[in-house]
Amino acid sequence: MPVPDPADSCVVVAGGVSSLLLAPMSLRSHSDPSALEALRGQILGLRDKVPGELHGSFTALAAAVEAPPRGSGEFDEPGFRKTMEPVEDWLGAHCAGRPSG
């Protein structure tokens, strides 16, 4: 299996994070267990595309979508944002300042 280009990893992770950061805007005004489940599935799908060192962070992010107790149907925006920090840190460490093109 070929080693992925680091620039490709940056694009995948950055694109995924960009789309995930939109989630709070659509989920904060109401509870919708099916929307939370869809977001969890999206995160786990992204986990399969990011570098292995981020798999644990994406697993934790998927778990942080819903406020406790499980089944509450409430989006946990503070927990979600906090759990996103290691992914954002990875982007800063691996992708900041890379030349484009």
PDB file of N, CA and C in Angstrom:
ATOM      1  N   MET A   1       0.853  -1.181   0.000  1.00  0.00           N
ATOM      2  CA  MET A   1       0.000   0.000   0.000  1.00  0.00           C
ATOM      3  C   MET A   1       0.895   1.239   0.000  1.00  0.00           C
ATOM      4  N   PRO A   2       0.681   2.166  -0.943  1.00  0.00           N
ATOM      5  CA  PRO A   2       1.544   3.351  -1.009  1.00  0.00           C
ATOM      6  C   PRO A   2       1.323   4.273   0.189  1.00  0.00           C
ATOM      7  N   VAL A   3       2.386   4.968   0.546  1.00  0.00           N
ATOM      8  CA  VAL A   3       2.315   5.931   1.642  1.00  0.00           C
ATOM      9  C   VAL A   3       1.619   7.179   1.117  1.00  0.00           C
ATOM     10  N   PRO A   4       0.584   7.645   1.825  1.00  0.00           N
ATOM     11  CA  PRO A   4      -0.124   8.832   1.337  1.00  0.00           C
ATOM     12  C   PRO A   4       0.759  10.071   1.386  1.00  0.00           C
ATOM     13  N   ASP A   5       0.570  10.934   0.423  1.00  0.00           N
ATOM     14  CA  ASP A   5       1.273  12.205   0.383  1.00  0.00           C
ATOM     15  C   ASP A   5       0.796  13.042   1.567  1.00  0.00           C
ATOM     16  N   PRO A   6       1.733  13.620   2.367  1.00  0.00           N
ATOM     17  CA  PRO A   6       1.312  14.433   3.510  1.00  0.00           C
ATOM     18  C   PRO A   6       0.371  15.574   3.116  1.00  0.00           C
ATOM     19  N   ALA A   7       0.577  16.146   1.953  1.00  0.00           N
ATOM     20  CA  ALA A   7      -0.299  17.231   1.508  1.00  0.00           C
ATOM     21  C   ALA A   7      -1.714  16.715   1.299  1.00  0.00           C
ATOM     22  N   ASP A   8      -1.845  15.487   0.778  1.00  0.00           N
ATOM     23  CA  ASP A   8      -3.175  14.904   0.605  1.00  0.00           C
ATOM     24  C   ASP A   8      -3.848  14.710   1.955  1.00  0.00           C
ATOM     25  N   SER A   9      -3.086  14.268   2.953  1.00  0.00           N
ATOM     26  CA  SER A   9      -3.641  14.090   4.295  1.00  0.00           C
ATOM     27  C   SER A   9      -4.134  15.419   4.848  1.00  0.00           C
ATOM     28  N   CYS A  10      -3.386  16.476   4.614  1.00  0.00           N
ATOM     29  CA  CYS A  10      -3.790  17.800   5.093  1.00  0.00           C
ATOM     30  C   CYS A  10      -5.104  18.226   4.450  1.00  0.00           C
ATOM     31  N   VAL A  11      -5.245  17.974   3.165  1.00  0.00           N
ATOM     32  CA  VAL A  11      -6.469  18.353   2.463  1.00  0.00           C
ATOM     33  C   VAL A  11      -7.662  17.572   3.014  1.00  0.00           C
ATOM     34  N   VAL A  12      -7.484  16.275   3.225  1.00  0.00           N
ATOM     35  CA  VAL A  12      -8.580  15.442   3.731  1.00  0.00           C
ATOM     36  C   VAL A  12      -8.983  15.886   5.134  1.00  0.00           C
ATOM     37  N   VAL A  13      -7.994  16.066   6.007  1.00  0.00           N
ATOM     38  CA  VAL A  13      -8.292  16.445   7.393  1.00  0.00           C
ATOM     39  C   VAL A  13      -8.894  17.847   7.432  1.00  0.00           C
ATOM     40  N   ALA A  14      -8.309  18.792   6.727  1.00  0.00           N
ATOM     41  CA  ALA A  14      -8.819  20.166   6.734  1.00  0.00           C
ATOM     42  C   ALA A  14     -10.228  20.233   6.161  1.00  0.00           C
ATOM     43  N   GLY A  15     -10.465  19.520   5.082  1.00  0.00           N
ATOM     44  CA  GLY A  15     -11.806  19.509   4.500  1.00  0.00           C
ATOM     45  C   GLY A  15     -12.827  18.897   5.446  1.00  0.00           C
ATOM     46  N   GLY A  16     -12.430  17.820   6.101  1.00  0.00           N
ATOM     47  CA  GLY A  16     -13.313  17.180   7.062  1.00  0.00           C
ATOM     48  C   GLY A  16     -13.624  18.081   8.234  1.00  0.00           C
ATOM     49  N   VAL A  17     -12.597  18.717   8.769  1.00  0.00           N
ATOM     50  CA  VAL A  17     -12.792  19.618   9.907  1.00  0.00           C
ATOM     51  C   VAL A  17     -13.682  20.789   9.504  1.00  0.00           C
ATOM     52  N   SER A  18     -13.468  21.322   8.318  1.00  0.00           N
ATOM     53  CA  SER A  18     -14.300  22.443   7.853  1.00  0.00           C
ATOM     54  C   SER A  18     -15.769  22.064   7.824  1.00  0.00           C
ATOM     55  N   SER A  19     -16.069  20.883   7.310  1.00  0.00           N
ATOM     56  CA  SER A  19     -17.476  20.482   7.258  1.00  0.00           C
ATOM     57  C   SER A  19     -18.019  20.182   8.650  1.00  0.00           C
ATOM     58  N   LEU A  20     -17.185  19.616   9.527  1.00  0.00           N
ATOM     59  CA  LEU A  20     -17.645  19.302  10.882  1.00  0.00           C
ATOM     60  C   LEU A  20     -17.885  20.559  11.711  1.00  0.00           C
ATOM     61  N   LEU A  21     -17.148  21.613  11.434  1.00  0.00           N
ATOM     62  CA  LEU A  21     -17.334  22.845  12.197  1.00  0.00           C
ATOM     63  C   LEU A  21     -18.663  23.530  11.883  1.00  0.00           C
ATOM     64  N   LEU A  22     -19.302  23.118  10.807  1.00  0.00           N
ATOM     65  CA  LEU A  22     -20.620  23.657  10.484  1.00  0.00           C
ATOM     66  C   LEU A  22     -21.720  22.981  11.302  1.00  0.00           C
ATOM     67  N   ALA A  23     -21.431  21.823  11.865  1.00  0.00           N
ATOM     68  CA  ALA A  23     -22.441  21.061  12.606  1.00  0.00           C
ATOM     69  C   ALA A  23     -23.090  21.859  13.731  1.00  0.00           C
ATOM     70  N   PRO A  24     -22.327  22.579  14.544  1.00  0.00           N
ATOM     71  CA  PRO A  24     -22.985  23.307  15.637  1.00  0.00           C
ATOM     72  C   PRO A  24     -24.058  24.277  15.165  1.00  0.00           C
ATOM     73  N   MET A  25     -23.870  24.858  14.006  1.00  0.00           N
ATOM     74  CA  MET A  25     -24.849  25.828  13.512  1.00  0.00           C
ATOM     75  C   MET A  25     -26.187  25.169  13.236  1.00  0.00           C
ATOM     76  N   SER A  26     -26.177  23.954  12.755  1.00  0.00           N
ATOM     77  CA  SER A  26     -27.436  23.298  12.421  1.00  0.00           C
ATOM     78  C   SER A  26     -28.025  22.508  13.580  1.00  0.00           C
ATOM     79  N   LEU A  27     -27.229  22.203  14.590  1.00  0.00           N
ATOM     80  CA  LEU A  27     -27.708  21.338  15.668  1.00  0.00           C
ATOM     81  C   LEU A  27     -28.009  22.058  16.969  1.00  0.00           C
ATOM     82  N   ARG A  28     -27.598  23.295  17.110  1.00  0.00           N
ATOM     83  CA  ARG A  28     -27.731  23.953  18.415  1.00  0.00           C
ATOM     84  C   ARG A  28     -29.160  24.389  18.734  1.00  0.00           C
ATOM     85  N   SER A  29     -29.994  24.558  17.729  1.00  0.00           N
ATOM     86  CA  SER A  29     -31.320  25.108  17.979  1.00  0.00           C
ATOM     87  C   SER A  29     -32.376  24.057  18.333  1.00  0.00           C
ATOM     88  N   HIS A  30     -32.088  22.790  18.122  1.00  0.00           N
ATOM     89  CA  HIS A  30     -33.077  21.767  18.425  1.00  0.00           C
ATOM     90  C   HIS A  30     -32.384  20.431  18.647  1.00  0.00           C
ATOM     91  N   SER A  31     -33.105  19.525  19.274  1.00  0.00           N
ATOM     92  CA  SER A  31     -32.555  18.191  19.445  1.00  0.00           C
ATOM     93  C   SER A  31     -33.099  17.301  18.336  1.00  0.00           C
ATOM     94  N   ASP A  32     -32.223  16.534  17.756  1.00  0.00           N
ATOM     95  CA  ASP A  32     -32.609  15.635  16.674  1.00  0.00           C
ATOM     96  C   ASP A  32     -31.684  14.426  16.713  1.00  0.00           C
ATOM     97  N   PRO A  33     -32.120  13.355  17.378  1.00  0.00           N
ATOM     98  CA  PRO A  33     -31.258  12.178  17.485  1.00  0.00           C
ATOM     99  C   PRO A  33     -30.786  11.647  16.130  1.00  0.00           C
ATOM    100  N   SER A  34     -31.615  11.728  15.102  1.00  0.00           N
ATOM    101  CA  SER A  34     -31.194  11.215  13.794  1.00  0.00           C
ATOM    102  C   SER A  34     -30.095  12.092  13.191  1.00  0.00           C
ATOM    103  N   ALA A  35     -30.151  13.401  13.435  1.00  0.00           N
ATOM    104  CA  ALA A  35     -29.089  14.286  12.936  1.00  0.00           C
ATOM    105  C   ALA A  35     -27.780  14.017  13.668  1.00  0.00           C
ATOM    106  N   LEU A  36     -27.871  13.740  14.964  1.00  0.00           N
ATOM    107  CA  LEU A  36     -26.662  13.408  15.727  1.00  0.00           C
ATOM    108  C   LEU A  36     -26.057  12.106  15.225  1.00  0.00           C
ATOM    109  N   GLU A  37     -26.908  11.142  14.948  1.00  0.00           N
ATOM    110  CA  GLU A  37     -26.420   9.852  14.444  1.00  0.00           C
ATOM    111  C   GLU A  37     -25.778  10.031  13.073  1.00  0.00           C
ATOM    112  N   ALA A  38     -26.369  10.877  12.232  1.00  0.00           N
ATOM    113  CA  ALA A  38     -25.791  11.155  10.912  1.00  0.00           C
ATOM    114  C   ALA A  38     -24.416  11.816  11.056  1.00  0.00           C
ATOM    115  N   LEU A  39     -24.300  12.760  11.988  1.00  0.00           N
ATOM    116  CA  LEU A  39     -23.016  13.422  12.216  1.00  0.00           C
ATOM    117  C   LEU A  39     -21.988  12.418  12.726  1.00  0.00           C
ATOM    118  N   ARG A  40     -22.403  11.567  13.648  1.00  0.00           N
ATOM    119  CA  ARG A  40     -21.503  10.532  14.172  1.00  0.00           C
ATOM    120  C   ARG A  40     -21.007   9.643  13.024  1.00  0.00           C
ATOM    121  N   GLY A  41     -21.911   9.254  12.130  1.00  0.00           N
ATOM    122  CA  GLY A  41     -21.525   8.437  10.978  1.00  0.00           C
ATOM    123  C   GLY A  41     -20.571   9.163  10.042  1.00  0.00           C
ATOM    124  N   GLN A  42     -20.801  10.453   9.852  1.00  0.00           N
ATOM    125  CA  GLN A  42     -19.908  11.253   9.003  1.00  0.00           C
ATOM    126  C   GLN A  42     -18.505  11.289   9.599  1.00  0.00           C
ATOM    127  N   ILE A  43     -18.424  11.469  10.905  1.00  0.00           N
ATOM    128  CA  ILE A  43     -17.122  11.535  11.578  1.00  0.00           C
ATOM    129  C   ILE A  43     -16.406  10.200  11.459  1.00  0.00           C
ATOM    130  N   LEU A  44     -17.127   9.110  11.681  1.00  0.00           N
ATOM    131  CA  LEU A  44     -16.496   7.789  11.596  1.00  0.00           C
ATOM    132  C   LEU A  44     -16.082   7.468  10.159  1.00  0.00           C
ATOM    133  N   GLY A  45     -16.837   7.963   9.181  1.00  0.00           N
ATOM    134  CA  GLY A  45     -16.433   7.805   7.782  1.00  0.00           C
ATOM    135  C   GLY A  45     -15.155   8.567   7.482  1.00  0.00           C
ATOM    136  N   LEU A  46     -15.037   9.765   8.030  1.00  0.00           N
ATOM    137  CA  LEU A  46     -13.811  10.553   7.855  1.00  0.00           C
ATOM    138  C   LEU A  46     -12.627   9.868   8.529  1.00  0.00           C
ATOM    139  N   ARG A  47     -12.891   9.253   9.688  1.00  0.00           N
ATOM    140  CA  ARG A  47     -11.818   8.574  10.427  1.00  0.00           C
ATOM    141  C   ARG A  47     -11.103   7.571   9.535  1.00  0.00           C
ATOM    142  N   ASP A  48     -11.838   6.919   8.653  1.00  0.00           N
ATOM    143  CA  ASP A  48     -11.240   5.917   7.776  1.00  0.00           C
ATOM    144  C   ASP A  48     -10.384   6.534   6.679  1.00  0.00           C
ATOM    145  N   LYS A  49     -10.438   7.848   6.513  1.00  0.00           N
ATOM    146  CA  LYS A  49      -9.694   8.525   5.447  1.00  0.00           C
ATOM    147  C   LYS A  49      -8.517   9.344   5.953  1.00  0.00           C
ATOM    148  N   VAL A  50      -8.455   9.567   7.265  1.00  0.00           N
ATOM    149  CA  VAL A  50      -7.384  10.399   7.819  1.00  0.00           C
ATOM    150  C   VAL A  50      -6.208   9.519   8.235  1.00  0.00           C
ATOM    151  N   PRO A  51      -5.041  10.139   8.464  1.00  0.00           N
ATOM    152  CA  PRO A  51      -3.889   9.361   8.920  1.00  0.00           C
ATOM    153  C   PRO A  51      -4.203   8.598  10.209  1.00  0.00           C
ATOM    154  N   GLY A  52      -3.599   7.430  10.345  1.00  0.00           N
ATOM    155  CA  GLY A  52      -3.836   6.558  11.485  1.00  0.00           C
ATOM    156  C   GLY A  52      -3.654   7.228  12.832  1.00  0.00           C
ATOM    157  N   GLU A  53      -2.722   8.164  12.907  1.00  0.00           N
ATOM    158  CA  GLU A  53      -2.478   8.833  14.187  1.00  0.00           C
ATOM    159  C   GLU A  53      -3.664   9.675  14.649  1.00  0.00           C
ATOM    160  N   LEU A  54      -4.629   9.936  13.762  1.00  0.00           N
ATOM    161  CA  LEU A  54      -5.815  10.708  14.123  1.00  0.00           C
ATOM    162  C   LEU A  54      -7.050   9.843  14.368  1.00  0.00           C
ATOM    163  N   HIS A  55      -6.937   8.539  14.164  1.00  0.00           N
ATOM    164  CA  HIS A  55      -8.104   7.674  14.324  1.00  0.00           C
ATOM    165  C   HIS A  55      -8.709   7.793  15.719  1.00  0.00           C
ATOM    166  N   GLY A  56      -7.879   7.800  16.745  1.00  0.00           N
ATOM    167  CA  GLY A  56      -8.385   7.921  18.112  1.00  0.00           C
ATOM    168  C   GLY A  56      -9.102   9.241  18.339  1.00  0.00           C
ATOM    169  N   SER A  57      -8.572  10.310  17.765  1.00  0.00           N
ATOM    170  CA  SER A  57      -9.211  11.623  17.910  1.00  0.00           C
ATOM    171  C   SER A  57     -10.573  11.653  17.228  1.00  0.00           C
ATOM    172  N   PHE A  58     -10.684  11.014  16.070  1.00  0.00           N
ATOM    173  CA  PHE A  58     -11.965  10.995  15.374  1.00  0.00           C
ATOM    174  C   PHE A  58     -12.961  10.080  16.078  1.00  0.00           C
ATOM    175  N   THR A  59     -12.488   9.002  16.686  1.00  0.00           N
ATOM    176  CA  THR A  59     -13.361   8.143  17.475  1.00  0.00           C
ATOM    177  C   THR A  59     -13.903   8.923  18.671  1.00  0.00           C
ATOM    178  N   ALA A  60     -13.022   9.659  19.348  1.00  0.00           N
ATOM    179  CA  ALA A  60     -13.441  10.478  20.492  1.00  0.00           C
ATOM    180  C   ALA A  60     -14.412  11.564  20.044  1.00  0.00           C
ATOM    181  N   LEU A  61     -14.166  12.144  18.890  1.00  0.00           N
ATOM    182  CA  LEU A  61     -15.042  13.192  18.370  1.00  0.00           C
ATOM    183  C   LEU A  61     -16.442  12.639  18.090  1.00  0.00           C
ATOM    184  N   ALA A  62     -16.503  11.454  17.517  1.00  0.00           N
ATOM    185  CA  ALA A  62     -17.802  10.833  17.261  1.00  0.00           C
ATOM    186  C   ALA A  62     -18.556  10.594  18.568  1.00  0.00           C
ATOM    187  N   ALA A  63     -17.840  10.190  19.604  1.00  0.00           N
ATOM    188  CA  ALA A  63     -18.466   9.936  20.905  1.00  0.00           C
ATOM    189  C   ALA A  63     -18.911  11.230  21.578  1.00  0.00           C
ATOM    190  N   ALA A  64     -18.274  12.348  21.238  1.00  0.00           N
ATOM    191  CA  ALA A  64     -18.565  13.633  21.886  1.00  0.00           C
ATOM    192  C   ALA A  64     -19.737  14.382  21.264  1.00  0.00           C
ATOM    193  N   VAL A  65     -20.341  13.837  20.245  1.00  0.00           N
ATOM    194  CA  VAL A  65     -21.425  14.521  19.551  1.00  0.00           C
ATOM    195  C   VAL A  65     -22.631  14.744  20.460  1.00  0.00           C
ATOM    196  N   GLU A  66     -22.963  13.749  21.242  1.00  0.00           N
ATOM    197  CA  GLU A  66     -24.187  13.810  22.038  1.00  0.00           C
ATOM    198  C   GLU A  66     -23.884  14.079  23.505  1.00  0.00           C
ATOM    199  N   ALA A  67     -24.644  14.993  24.069  1.00  0.00           N
ATOM    200  CA  ALA A  67     -24.500  15.294  25.490  1.00  0.00           C
ATOM    201  C   ALA A  67     -24.987  14.098  26.302  1.00  0.00           C
ATOM    202  N   PRO A  68     -24.309  13.815  27.413  1.00  0.00           N
ATOM    203  CA  PRO A  68     -24.770  12.713  28.256  1.00  0.00           C
ATOM    204  C   PRO A  68     -26.137  13.023  28.837  1.00  0.00           C
ATOM    205  N   PRO A  69     -26.921  12.042  29.133  1.00  0.00           N
ATOM    206  CA  PRO A  69     -26.694  10.619  28.914  1.00  0.00           C
ATOM    207  C   PRO A  69     -26.958  10.237  27.460  1.00  0.00           C
ATOM    208  N   ARG A  70     -26.341   9.148  27.022  1.00  0.00           N
ATOM    209  CA  ARG A  70     -26.551   8.674  25.653  1.00  0.00           C
ATOM    210  C   ARG A  70     -28.048   8.502  25.430  1.00  0.00           C
ATOM    211  N   GLY A  71     -28.489   8.955  24.287  1.00  0.00           N
ATOM    212  CA  GLY A  71     -29.907   8.908  23.988  1.00  0.00           C
ATOM    213  C   GLY A  71     -30.625  10.212  24.297  1.00  0.00           C
ATOM    214  N   SER A  72     -29.872  11.197  24.810  1.00  0.00           N
ATOM    215  CA  SER A  72     -30.487  12.485  25.146  1.00  0.00           C
ATOM    216  C   SER A  72     -30.959  13.230  23.899  1.00  0.00           C
ATOM    217  N   GLY A  73     -30.282  12.986  22.781  1.00  0.00           N
ATOM    218  CA  GLY A  73     -30.623  13.683  21.556  1.00  0.00           C
ATOM    219  C   GLY A  73     -30.137  15.115  21.508  1.00  0.00           C
ATOM    220  N   GLU A  74     -29.386  15.522  22.521  1.00  0.00           N
ATOM    221  CA  GLU A  74     -28.885  16.900  22.602  1.00  0.00           C
ATOM    222  C   GLU A  74     -27.441  16.963  22.108  1.00  0.00           C
ATOM    223  N   PHE A  75     -27.182  17.911  21.244  1.00  0.00           N
ATOM    224  CA  PHE A  75     -25.819  18.121  20.751  1.00  0.00           C
ATOM    225  C   PHE A  75     -24.974  18.737  21.862  1.00  0.00           C
ATOM    226  N   ASP A  76     -23.785  18.198  22.062  1.00  0.00           N
ATOM    227  CA  ASP A  76     -22.865  18.690  23.095  1.00  0.00           C
ATOM    228  C   ASP A  76     -21.827  19.599  22.438  1.00  0.00           C
ATOM    229  N   GLU A  77     -22.236  20.842  22.157  1.00  0.00           N
ATOM    230  CA  GLU A  77     -21.331  21.753  21.451  1.00  0.00           C
ATOM    231  C   GLU A  77     -20.026  22.002  22.202  1.00  0.00           C
ATOM    232  N   PRO A  78     -20.037  22.294  23.507  1.00  0.00           N
ATOM    233  CA  PRO A  78     -18.756  22.507  24.201  1.00  0.00           C
ATOM    234  C   PRO A  78     -17.867  21.265  24.163  1.00  0.00           C
ATOM    235  N   GLY A  79     -18.449  20.106  24.378  1.00  0.00           N
ATOM    236  CA  GLY A  79     -17.670  18.870  24.336  1.00  0.00           C
ATOM    237  C   GLY A  79     -17.141  18.583  22.944  1.00  0.00           C
ATOM    238  N   PHE A  80     -17.953  18.847  21.946  1.00  0.00           N
ATOM    239  CA  PHE A  80     -17.568  18.641  20.555  1.00  0.00           C
ATOM    240  C   PHE A  80     -16.386  19.533  20.188  1.00  0.00           C
ATOM    241  N   ARG A  81     -16.498  20.802  20.531  1.00  0.00           N
ATOM    242  CA  ARG A  81     -15.412  21.750  20.212  1.00  0.00           C
ATOM    243  C   ARG A  81     -14.130  21.390  20.954  1.00  0.00           C
ATOM    244  N   LYS A  82     -14.251  20.990  22.217  1.00  0.00           N
ATOM    245  CA  LYS A  82     -13.078  20.606  23.009  1.00  0.00           C
ATOM    246  C   LYS A  82     -12.403  19.366  22.415  1.00  0.00           C
ATOM    247  N   THR A  83     -13.206  18.414  21.984  1.00  0.00           N
ATOM    248  CA  THR A  83     -12.667  17.180  21.431  1.00  0.00           C
ATOM    249  C   THR A  83     -12.064  17.408  20.041  1.00  0.00           C
ATOM    250  N   MET A  84     -12.448  18.484  19.380  1.00  0.00           N
ATOM    251  CA  MET A  84     -11.896  18.829  18.067  1.00  0.00           C
ATOM    252  C   MET A  84     -10.472  19.393  18.189  1.00  0.00           C
ATOM    253  N   GLU A  85     -10.099  19.880  19.366  1.00  0.00           N
ATOM    254  CA  GLU A  85      -8.802  20.545  19.532  1.00  0.00           C
ATOM    255  C   GLU A  85      -7.593  19.704  19.100  1.00  0.00           C
ATOM    256  N   PRO A  86      -7.493  18.417  19.444  1.00  0.00           N
ATOM    257  CA  PRO A  86      -6.321  17.654  18.985  1.00  0.00           C
ATOM    258  C   PRO A  86      -6.228  17.559  17.461  1.00  0.00           C
ATOM    259  N   VAL A  87      -7.373  17.518  16.794  1.00  0.00           N
ATOM    260  CA  VAL A  87      -7.362  17.474  15.329  1.00  0.00           C
ATOM    261  C   VAL A  87      -6.875  18.810  14.778  1.00  0.00           C
ATOM    262  N   GLU A  88      -7.359  19.897  15.357  1.00  0.00           N
ATOM    263  CA  GLU A  88      -6.894  21.218  14.937  1.00  0.00           C
ATOM    264  C   GLU A  88      -5.410  21.393  15.239  1.00  0.00           C
ATOM    265  N   ASP A  89      -4.951  20.869  16.367  1.00  0.00           N
ATOM    266  CA  ASP A  89      -3.522  20.924  16.700  1.00  0.00           C
ATOM    267  C   ASP A  89      -2.708  20.146  15.664  1.00  0.00           C
ATOM    268  N   TRP A  90      -3.215  18.984  15.250  1.00  0.00           N
ATOM    269  CA  TRP A  90      -2.523  18.182  14.233  1.00  0.00           C
ATOM    270  C   TRP A  90      -2.407  18.980  12.939  1.00  0.00           C
ATOM    271  N   LEU A  91      -3.484  19.626  12.553  1.00  0.00           N
ATOM    272  CA  LEU A  91      -3.447  20.446  11.339  1.00  0.00           C
ATOM    273  C   LEU A  91      -2.383  21.536  11.451  1.00  0.00           C
ATOM    274  N   GLY A  92      -2.344  22.204  12.604  1.00  0.00           N
ATOM    275  CA  GLY A  92      -1.351  23.259  12.803  1.00  0.00           C
ATOM    276  C   GLY A  92       0.069  22.734  12.745  1.00  0.00           C
ATOM    277  N   ALA A  93       0.290  21.553  13.304  1.00  0.00           N
ATOM    278  CA  ALA A  93       1.643  20.980  13.346  1.00  0.00           C
ATOM    279  C   ALA A  93       2.077  20.394  11.997  1.00  0.00           C
ATOM    280  N   HIS A  94       1.145  19.863  11.246  1.00  0.00           N
ATOM    281  CA  HIS A  94       1.513  19.140  10.020  1.00  0.00           C
ATOM    282  C   HIS A  94       1.215  19.887   8.725  1.00  0.00           C
ATOM    283  N   CYS A  95       0.349  20.879   8.784  1.00  0.00           N
ATOM    284  CA  CYS A  95      -0.127  21.466   7.544  1.00  0.00           C
ATOM    285  C   CYS A  95       0.082  22.971   7.439  1.00  0.00           C
ATOM    286  N   ALA A  96       0.334  23.635   8.534  1.00  0.00           N
ATOM    287  CA  ALA A  96       0.511  25.090   8.508  1.00  0.00           C
ATOM    288  C   ALA A  96       1.753  25.450   7.706  1.00  0.00           C
ATOM    289  N   GLY A  97       1.602  26.438   6.880  1.00  0.00           N
ATOM    290  CA  GLY A  97       2.741  26.973   6.156  1.00  0.00           C
ATOM    291  C   GLY A  97       3.215  26.108   4.998  1.00  0.00           C
ATOM    292  N   ARG A  98       2.460  25.091   4.627  1.00  0.00           N
ATOM    293  CA  ARG A  98       2.852  24.268   3.476  1.00  0.00           C
ATOM    294  C   ARG A  98       2.628  25.069   2.204  1.00  0.00           C
ATOM    295  N   PRO A  99       3.565  24.986   1.279  1.00  0.00           N
ATOM    296  CA  PRO A  99       3.352  25.671   0.003  1.00  0.00           C
ATOM    297  C   PRO A  99       2.206  25.029  -0.745  1.00  0.00           C
ATOM    298  N   SER A 100       1.429  25.828  -1.434  1.00  0.00           N
ATOM    299  CA  SER A 100       0.320  25.268  -2.208  1.00  0.00           C
ATOM    300  C   SER A 100       0.783  24.946  -3.621  1.00  0.00           C
ATOM    301  N   GLY A 101       0.023  24.047  -4.248  1.00  0.00           N
ATOM    302  CA  GLY A 101       0.260  23.691  -5.646  1.00  0.00           C
ATOM    303  C   GLY A 101       1.363  22.764  -5.774  1.00  0.00           C
TER     304      GLY A 101
END
